[in-house]
Protein backbone atom coordinates (compact mmCIF):
# COMPACT_ATOMS: atom_id res chain seq x y z
CA MET A 1 -61.79 30.69 -61.80
CA GLU A 2 -59.11 28.56 -63.55
CA GLY A 3 -56.90 32.15 -63.40
CA GLU A 4 -57.75 32.58 -59.74
CA GLU A 5 -56.83 28.62 -59.03
CA ARG A 6 -53.55 29.14 -61.18
CA HIS A 7 -53.10 32.43 -59.39
CA GLY A 8 -53.57 30.57 -56.25
CA THR A 9 -51.42 27.87 -56.29
CA PRO A 10 -47.99 29.73 -56.37
CA GLY A 11 -49.32 31.49 -52.94
CA MET A 12 -49.87 28.15 -51.52
CA GLU A 13 -46.75 26.33 -52.46
CA ASP A 14 -44.68 29.72 -50.91
CA SER A 15 -46.64 29.08 -47.90
CA ASP A 16 -45.74 25.52 -47.24
CA GLN A 17 -42.12 26.40 -48.40
CA ARG A 18 -42.03 28.82 -45.71
CA LEU A 19 -43.75 26.40 -43.26
CA VAL A 20 -40.70 24.18 -43.99
CA LEU A 21 -38.29 26.60 -43.74
CA GLY A 22 -39.42 27.85 -40.60
CA MET A 23 -39.62 23.87 -39.22
CA ASN A 24 -35.52 23.49 -41.00
CA GLU A 25 -34.48 26.63 -39.71
CA ARG A 26 -35.75 26.16 -35.74
CA ASP A 27 -37.31 29.48 -36.01
CA GLY A 28 -41.31 27.92 -35.62
CA ARG A 29 -42.71 24.70 -34.24
CA GLN A 30 -39.55 22.33 -34.31
CA THR A 31 -41.45 18.95 -35.49
CA PRO A 32 -44.11 18.64 -38.35
CA PRO A 33 -47.79 18.49 -37.51
CA GLY A 34 -48.76 15.14 -36.30
CA GLN A 35 -45.83 14.74 -34.43
CA LEU A 36 -45.21 14.97 -30.52
CA ARG A 37 -41.77 16.35 -30.07
CA THR A 38 -39.71 14.49 -27.30
CA SER A 39 -39.29 14.98 -23.87
CA ALA A 40 -35.56 15.94 -23.99
CA GLU A 41 -36.22 18.30 -27.12
CA GLU A 42 -38.95 20.38 -25.08
CA GLY A 43 -37.78 22.96 -22.80
CA GLN A 44 -34.15 22.49 -24.67
CA LYS A 45 -32.39 25.52 -26.35
CA PRO A 46 -31.29 25.25 -29.88
CA GLY A 47 -27.19 24.19 -29.93
CA THR A 48 -27.63 22.85 -26.64
CA PRO A 49 -26.18 19.26 -25.25
CA ASN A 50 -28.76 16.30 -24.59
CA PRO A 51 -28.30 16.05 -20.58
CA GLU A 52 -28.13 12.30 -21.41
CA ASP A 53 -25.35 12.27 -23.84
CA VAL A 54 -23.44 14.65 -21.09
CA CYS A 55 -24.55 12.48 -18.16
CA SER A 56 -22.91 9.48 -20.20
CA ALA A 57 -19.68 11.21 -21.03
CA GLU A 58 -19.15 12.40 -17.20
CA SER A 59 -19.55 8.47 -16.39
CA ALA A 60 -17.27 7.73 -19.40
CA LYS A 61 -14.61 10.34 -17.97
CA THR A 62 -15.32 9.38 -13.83
CA PRO A 63 -13.08 6.26 -13.83
CA GLN A 64 -10.57 7.19 -15.75
CA ARG A 65 -10.30 10.61 -13.38
CA GLU A 66 -10.40 8.45 -10.49
CA GLY A 67 -7.26 6.28 -11.85
CA GLU A 68 -5.45 9.64 -11.99
CA GLU A 69 -6.18 10.61 -8.74
CA GLU A 70 -5.34 7.26 -7.04
CA GLU A 71 -2.04 7.53 -9.25
CA GLU A 72 -1.22 11.36 -8.21
CA GLU A 73 -2.43 9.82 -4.15
CA LEU A 74 0.20 6.86 -4.13
CA ASP A 75 1.94 7.06 -0.53
CA PRO A 76 6.06 7.45 -1.15
CA ARG A 77 5.92 4.89 1.93
CA ILE A 78 4.95 1.97 -0.51
CA GLN A 79 8.38 3.13 -2.89
CA GLU A 80 10.42 2.76 0.43
CA GLU A 81 9.02 -0.49 1.75
CA LEU A 82 9.28 -1.72 -1.66
CA GLU A 83 13.22 -0.85 -2.00
CA HIS A 84 13.46 -2.42 1.65
CA LEU A 85 11.59 -5.59 0.36
CA ASN A 86 13.81 -6.02 -2.43
CA GLN A 87 16.77 -5.57 -0.95
CA ALA A 88 16.08 -7.84 2.09
CA ASN A 89 15.00 -10.53 -1.01
CA GLU A 90 18.38 -10.18 -2.87
CA GLU A 91 20.56 -10.20 0.56
CA ILE A 92 18.67 -13.77 1.53
CA ASN A 93 19.05 -15.13 -1.98
CA ARG A 94 22.62 -13.93 -1.80
CA VAL A 95 23.52 -15.46 1.65
CA GLU A 96 21.78 -18.13 0.96
CA LEU A 97 23.73 -19.31 -1.85
CA GLN A 98 26.77 -18.84 0.55
CA LEU A 99 25.55 -20.89 3.11
CA ASP A 100 24.85 -23.74 0.73
CA ASP A 101 28.36 -23.37 -0.22
CA ALA A 102 29.63 -23.56 3.13
CA ARG A 103 27.63 -26.29 4.50
CA THR A 104 28.55 -28.62 1.21
CA THR A 105 32.48 -27.52 1.85
CA TYR A 106 31.75 -28.27 6.11
CA ARG A 107 30.27 -31.97 4.79
CA ARG A 108 33.09 -32.27 2.35
CA ILE A 109 36.44 -31.68 4.84
CA LEU A 110 34.56 -34.02 7.70
CA SER A 111 34.17 -36.67 5.41
CA GLU A 112 37.36 -36.22 3.96
CA SER A 113 38.94 -36.14 7.58
CA ALA A 114 36.86 -38.97 8.81
CA ARG A 115 38.61 -41.26 6.11
CA LYS A 116 42.05 -39.83 6.54
CA LEU A 117 41.68 -40.67 9.91
CA ASN A 118 40.62 -44.14 9.71
CA ALA A 119 43.18 -44.68 7.26
CA GLN A 120 45.73 -43.65 9.84
CA GLY A 121 44.18 -45.24 12.85
CA SER A 122 44.23 -48.35 10.28
CA GLN A 123 48.54 -47.89 10.07
CA LEU A 124 48.98 -47.14 13.73
CA GLY A 125 46.87 -49.96 15.37
CA ASN A 126 46.32 -50.81 19.34
CA CYS A 127 48.40 -47.48 20.21
CA ILE A 128 45.70 -44.94 19.32
CA GLU A 129 43.27 -46.55 21.90
CA LYS A 130 45.80 -46.72 24.94
CA ALA A 131 46.41 -42.78 24.11
CA ARG A 132 43.30 -41.96 24.19
CA PRO A 133 42.94 -40.91 27.69
CA TYR A 134 45.98 -39.08 27.71
CA TYR A 135 45.07 -36.93 24.90
CA GLU A 136 41.21 -36.04 26.64
CA ALA A 137 43.39 -35.10 30.01
CA ARG A 138 45.02 -33.01 27.85
CA ARG A 139 41.51 -31.68 26.45
CA LEU A 140 40.11 -31.56 30.13
CA ALA A 141 43.44 -29.26 31.64
CA LYS A 142 43.10 -27.13 28.75
CA GLU A 143 39.57 -26.23 29.13
CA ALA A 144 40.25 -25.66 32.94
CA GLN A 145 42.67 -23.41 32.57
CA GLN A 146 40.44 -21.31 29.95
CA GLU A 147 37.84 -21.32 32.58
CA THR A 148 40.85 -20.21 35.10
CA GLN A 149 41.29 -17.78 33.40
CA LYS A 150 38.34 -16.14 33.08
CA ALA A 151 37.55 -16.68 36.76
CA ALA A 152 40.68 -14.29 37.14
CA LEU A 153 39.49 -11.76 35.11
CA ARG A 154 36.11 -11.80 36.64
CA TYR A 155 37.76 -11.31 40.22
CA GLU A 156 39.79 -8.42 38.95
CA ARG A 157 36.60 -6.98 38.15
CA ALA A 158 34.86 -7.45 41.06
CA VAL A 159 37.82 -6.30 43.07
CA SER A 160 37.95 -2.81 40.77
CA MET A 161 34.29 -2.15 41.48
CA HIS A 162 34.84 -2.68 44.68
CA ASN A 163 38.00 -0.37 45.27
CA ALA A 164 35.59 2.25 43.35
CA ALA A 165 32.49 1.80 45.64
CA ARG A 166 34.82 2.09 48.86
CA GLU A 167 36.48 5.46 47.24
CA MET A 168 32.58 6.84 46.46
CA VAL A 169 31.51 6.07 50.18
CA PHE A 170 34.91 8.25 51.31
CA VAL A 171 33.73 10.73 49.18
CA ALA A 172 30.19 10.98 50.55
CA GLU A 173 31.45 11.02 54.16
CA GLN A 174 33.76 14.14 53.76
CA GLY A 175 30.82 15.83 52.42
CA VAL A 176 28.20 14.77 55.04
CA MET A 177 30.77 15.42 57.84
CA ALA A 178 31.58 19.17 56.58
CA ASP A 179 29.43 21.93 58.58
CA LYS A 180 27.69 23.44 56.19
CA ASN A 181 26.50 19.85 54.38
CA ARG A 182 25.33 17.78 57.65
CA LEU A 183 21.78 18.58 57.41
CA ASP A 184 21.62 18.19 53.40
CA PRO A 185 19.78 15.20 51.98
CA THR A 186 21.61 15.27 49.17
CA TRP A 187 24.63 13.75 50.80
CA GLN A 188 22.69 11.68 52.87
CA GLU A 189 21.34 9.86 49.79
CA MET A 190 24.62 9.50 48.17
CA LEU A 191 26.32 8.17 51.34
CA ASN A 192 23.62 5.70 51.49
CA HIS A 193 23.83 4.81 47.55
CA ALA A 194 27.51 4.28 47.94
CA THR A 195 27.40 2.00 50.52
CA CYS A 196 25.08 -0.35 48.83
CA LYS A 197 27.45 -0.28 45.82
CA VAL A 198 30.03 -1.36 48.25
CA ASN A 199 27.97 -4.24 49.43
CA GLU A 200 27.26 -5.63 46.51
CA ALA A 201 30.92 -5.13 45.05
CA GLU A 202 32.11 -7.01 48.02
CA GLU A 203 29.57 -9.89 47.51
CA GLU A 204 30.53 -9.82 43.98
CA ARG A 205 34.49 -9.92 45.15
CA LEU A 206 33.88 -12.82 46.97
CA ARG A 207 32.07 -14.87 44.95
CA SER A 208 34.49 -14.24 42.08
CA GLU A 209 36.95 -15.09 44.82
CA ARG A 210 35.50 -18.53 45.25
CA GLU A 211 35.03 -19.49 41.79
CA HIS A 212 38.75 -18.97 40.93
CA GLN A 213 40.03 -21.31 43.87
CA ARG A 214 37.35 -23.82 42.45
CA VAL A 215 38.58 -23.60 38.88
CA THR A 216 41.76 -23.27 39.65
CA GLN A 217 42.09 -26.50 41.67
CA LEU A 218 40.26 -28.25 38.84
CA CYS A 219 42.91 -27.25 36.34
CA GLN A 220 45.99 -28.35 39.05
CA GLN A 221 44.03 -31.56 39.12
CA ALA A 222 43.82 -31.90 35.14
CA GLU A 223 47.17 -31.01 34.83
CA ALA A 224 48.23 -33.66 37.41
CA LYS A 225 46.24 -36.14 35.73
CA VAL A 226 48.13 -35.39 32.50
CA GLN A 227 51.68 -35.46 34.07
CA ALA A 228 50.69 -38.77 35.16
CA LEU A 229 49.26 -40.37 32.34
CA GLN A 230 52.31 -38.84 30.10
CA LYS A 231 54.62 -41.18 32.63
CA SER A 232 52.90 -44.03 32.45
CA LEU A 233 51.83 -44.28 28.87
CA LYS A 234 55.04 -42.37 26.97
CA ARG A 235 55.73 -45.11 24.79
CA VAL A 236 52.05 -45.34 23.46
CA ILE A 237 51.84 -41.46 23.10
CA VAL A 238 54.99 -41.30 20.89
CA LYS A 239 53.91 -43.69 18.49
CA SER A 240 50.24 -42.35 18.14
CA LYS A 241 51.24 -38.40 17.66
CA PRO A 242 50.97 -38.10 14.15
CA TYR A 243 46.67 -39.74 14.28
CA PHE A 244 46.26 -37.15 17.17
CA GLU A 245 48.18 -34.21 15.34
CA LEU A 246 46.14 -34.71 12.01
CA LYS A 247 43.08 -35.17 14.18
CA ALA A 248 43.45 -31.63 15.88
CA GLN A 249 44.30 -30.13 12.65
CA PHE A 250 40.91 -31.38 10.97
CA ASN A 251 39.22 -30.38 14.26
CA GLN A 252 40.46 -26.56 13.71
CA ILE A 253 39.47 -26.56 10.10
CA LEU A 254 36.01 -28.35 10.96
CA GLU A 255 35.47 -25.36 13.79
CA GLU A 256 36.57 -22.41 11.44
CA HIS A 257 34.10 -23.86 8.80
CA LYS A 258 31.14 -24.72 11.51
CA ALA A 259 31.67 -20.45 12.27
CA LYS A 260 31.61 -19.79 9.18
CA VAL A 261 28.44 -21.53 8.49
CA THR A 262 26.89 -20.12 11.73
CA GLY A 263 27.04 -16.64 10.90
CA LEU A 264 25.92 -16.72 7.27
CA GLU A 265 22.73 -18.69 9.34
CA GLN A 266 22.48 -15.39 11.65
CA GLN A 267 22.82 -13.21 8.59
CA VAL A 268 19.57 -14.84 6.51
CA SER A 269 17.94 -15.27 9.58
CA HIS A 270 18.45 -11.24 10.41
CA ALA A 271 17.26 -10.73 6.21
CA LYS A 272 14.52 -12.40 6.76
CA MET A 273 13.33 -10.54 9.47
CA ARG A 274 13.77 -7.46 7.54
CA TYR A 275 11.70 -9.07 4.58
CA SER A 276 8.74 -9.74 6.81
CA VAL A 277 8.85 -6.36 8.78
CA ALA A 278 8.79 -5.13 5.43
CA LEU A 279 6.48 -7.10 4.00
CA ARG A 280 3.77 -5.96 7.29
CA ASN A 281 4.58 -2.21 6.45
CA LEU A 282 3.41 -2.87 2.92
CA GLU A 283 0.25 -4.84 4.46
CA GLN A 284 -0.30 -1.93 6.79
CA ILE A 285 -0.15 0.93 4.07
CA SER A 286 -2.35 -1.06 2.52
CA GLU A 287 -5.05 -1.33 4.19
CA GLN A 288 -4.84 2.29 5.24
CA ILE A 289 -5.01 3.05 1.55
CA HIS A 290 -8.14 0.73 1.34
CA ALA A 291 -9.76 2.65 4.24
CA ARG A 292 -9.55 6.04 2.70
CA ARG A 293 -11.40 4.88 -0.60
CA LEU A 294 -13.78 3.36 1.34
CA GLN A 295 -14.17 6.77 3.30
CA ARG A 296 -14.29 8.74 0.01
CA LEU A 297 -16.68 6.50 -1.77
CA VAL A 298 -19.33 6.72 1.53
CA VAL A 299 -19.02 10.19 1.65
CA ARG A 300 -19.62 10.32 -2.39
CA ARG A 301 -22.99 8.05 -1.81
CA ALA A 302 -23.84 9.81 0.99
CA SER A 303 -24.77 13.13 -0.75
CA PRO A 304 -29.16 13.89 -1.18
CA VAL A 305 -30.41 12.31 -3.58
CA GLY A 306 -32.62 14.80 -6.08
CA ALA A 307 -29.25 17.54 -5.73
CA GLU A 308 -29.82 20.66 -8.11
CA ALA A 309 -27.18 19.46 -11.32
CA SER A 310 -25.30 22.25 -12.23
CA PRO A 311 -26.11 22.74 -16.02
CA LEU A 312 -23.39 22.58 -18.64
CA TYR A 313 -22.78 25.24 -21.16
CA LEU A 314 -21.70 25.65 -24.75
CA GLY A 315 -19.86 28.43 -25.41
CA ALA A 316 -19.86 30.62 -28.74
CA GLU A 317 -16.79 28.63 -30.21
CA GLY A 318 -18.37 25.34 -29.57
CA GLY A 319 -16.73 24.38 -26.35
CA ALA A 320 -18.27 23.03 -23.15
CA ARG A 321 -18.00 24.37 -19.92
CA LEU A 322 -18.31 21.48 -17.19
CA GLY A 323 -20.49 21.24 -14.40
CA ALA A 324 -22.97 19.42 -15.31
CA GLU A 325 -24.88 16.28 -14.20
CA CYS A 326 -27.73 13.93 -15.19
CA PRO A 327 -31.21 15.66 -14.18
CA PRO A 328 -33.13 13.23 -12.51
CA ALA A 329 -36.09 11.16 -13.40
CA ASP A 330 -38.63 13.40 -12.06
CA THR A 331 -37.33 16.88 -14.17
CA LEU A 332 -37.52 14.42 -17.23
CA SER A 333 -41.07 13.03 -16.73
CA VAL A 334 -42.25 17.14 -15.89
CA LEU A 335 -40.44 18.21 -19.29
CA SER A 336 -42.33 15.46 -21.27
CA LEU A 337 -45.97 16.35 -19.56
CA GLN A 338 -45.26 19.88 -20.57
CA THR A 339 -44.55 18.97 -24.12
CA ILE A 340 -47.15 16.78 -24.67
CA ALA A 341 -49.73 19.79 -23.68
CA SER A 342 -47.88 22.22 -25.77
CA ASP A 343 -48.36 19.95 -28.44
CA LEU A 344 -51.82 19.45 -27.96
CA GLN A 345 -52.47 23.34 -27.78
CA LYS A 346 -50.69 23.52 -31.07
CA PHE A 347 -52.85 21.25 -32.61
CA ASP A 348 -56.29 22.76 -31.20
CA SER A 349 -55.08 26.12 -33.10
CA VAL A 350 -54.35 26.87 -36.29
CA GLU A 351 -53.31 30.35 -35.32
CA HIS A 352 -49.92 29.78 -36.49
CA LEU A 353 -50.96 28.93 -39.99
CA LEU A 354 -52.99 32.36 -39.71
CA GLY A 355 -49.51 34.13 -39.34
CA LEU A 356 -47.70 32.41 -42.45
CA SER A 357 -50.75 32.60 -44.90
CA ASP A 358 -51.60 36.37 -44.29
CA ALA A 359 -47.89 36.66 -45.79
CA THR A 360 -48.67 34.58 -48.75
CA SER A 361 -49.90 36.42 -52.22
CA LEU A 362 -53.56 35.19 -51.65
CA ASN A 363 -56.56 36.57 -53.36
CA SER A 364 -59.29 38.37 -51.33
CA ASP A 365 -61.42 35.84 -52.98
CA GLU A 366 -59.76 32.92 -51.64
CA MET A 367 -59.73 34.22 -48.54
CA GLU A 368 -63.39 34.99 -48.04
CA GLU A 369 -64.10 31.48 -49.34
CA ARG A 370 -61.72 29.87 -46.73
CA GLU A 371 -63.32 31.71 -43.89
CA GLN A 372 -66.66 30.88 -44.89
CA ARG A 373 -65.86 27.09 -45.04
CA ARG A 374 -64.20 27.69 -41.97
CA GLY A 375 -66.99 29.15 -40.27
CA HIS A 376 -69.25 26.45 -41.41
CA ASP A 377 -67.06 23.52 -40.70
CA SER A 378 -66.31 24.50 -37.13
CA TYR A 379 -69.79 23.47 -35.92
CA SER A 380 -69.60 20.03 -38.11
CA SER A 381 -65.75 18.71 -37.67
CA PRO A 382 -62.99 18.85 -35.08
CA PRO A 383 -60.29 21.54 -35.14
CA CYS A 384 -57.62 18.70 -36.39
CA GLU A 385 -60.15 18.42 -39.76
CA GLU A 386 -60.17 21.94 -40.46
CA THR A 387 -56.39 22.48 -40.18
CA SER A 388 -55.78 19.22 -42.27
CA THR A 389 -59.08 20.96 -45.00
CA VAL A 390 -56.61 23.93 -45.09
CA GLN A 391 -53.27 22.01 -45.74
CA ALA A 392 -55.48 20.07 -48.25
CA ALA A 393 -56.36 23.58 -50.04
């Protein structure tokens, strides 16, 4: 009997080793007896990655992929508007510096002219105030002369337009008087248009003529006043001449600097306008980009819930073929229930142990004794105790 037990022990050890070997090689049960497999392991082939891991990996790659797509979809208008913005900003800074310098120079010249004129006036005395009406009359006469010249130019232009309109009327009348064009409405319309032009040109010529006569009369009056004052104030005019000549020089210099300041102010205004236009364009482009992103997000969220996920397969070399999504929660719960039911069925049956026991080198006496014990215990103990008894033997 002891020999039989010693002879049967190696058989049991081989059975246990084969059972453990089968579990290690995953060709039998994938979990030891008494333990349940997880829902993720049930229905999963060896070497297949966990869907949760795949889902987490896909979610980790999603922001990076979206960032790359946004970089690829960068609107080229943004770079163009940014260049316009930078150019306008540089011009604003440059012209504003020039404008500050020009204003500083203008104020400096103004203060110097006032100081020098005051010094000159203190030396000359009362002759400056006595001769001032003469120089004021000269200034008004000069302005009247300029207005007369402008009125003469307007009158000459009106006369030229009137002559051209009269020639057009003559041509239209000749066309209408021809036999072949007597009933042509085009020539009639041309004649009417030319007649209207002649009337308008005549009115402009008369108005320009009256304006020229008026300013010419004013200029003559101003010249006469200058001549009268020059005769009456001849002595004080000669004495105060250095003061008014210096004043005229400073006025000319100040007018030049004032024109320069005005031109720089216009340049700054135009540059600021271009800057604001570039900003508005960038805002519009930004709003369009945000609208497209929101539209893509809405389309992405509008996909049906519970859609089938394409599985992720791994090749023989270990490379993964993407296309997998996370399995829904309902699928995981179904897999978990299937796993529990499969494990319970395997606990209720010991047929998988019989196949392993038949492969061992057990004696026929031990097999008979084990079958008798199994038949005796089948009426007194549950199947799980029978499994534990066989493992203990």
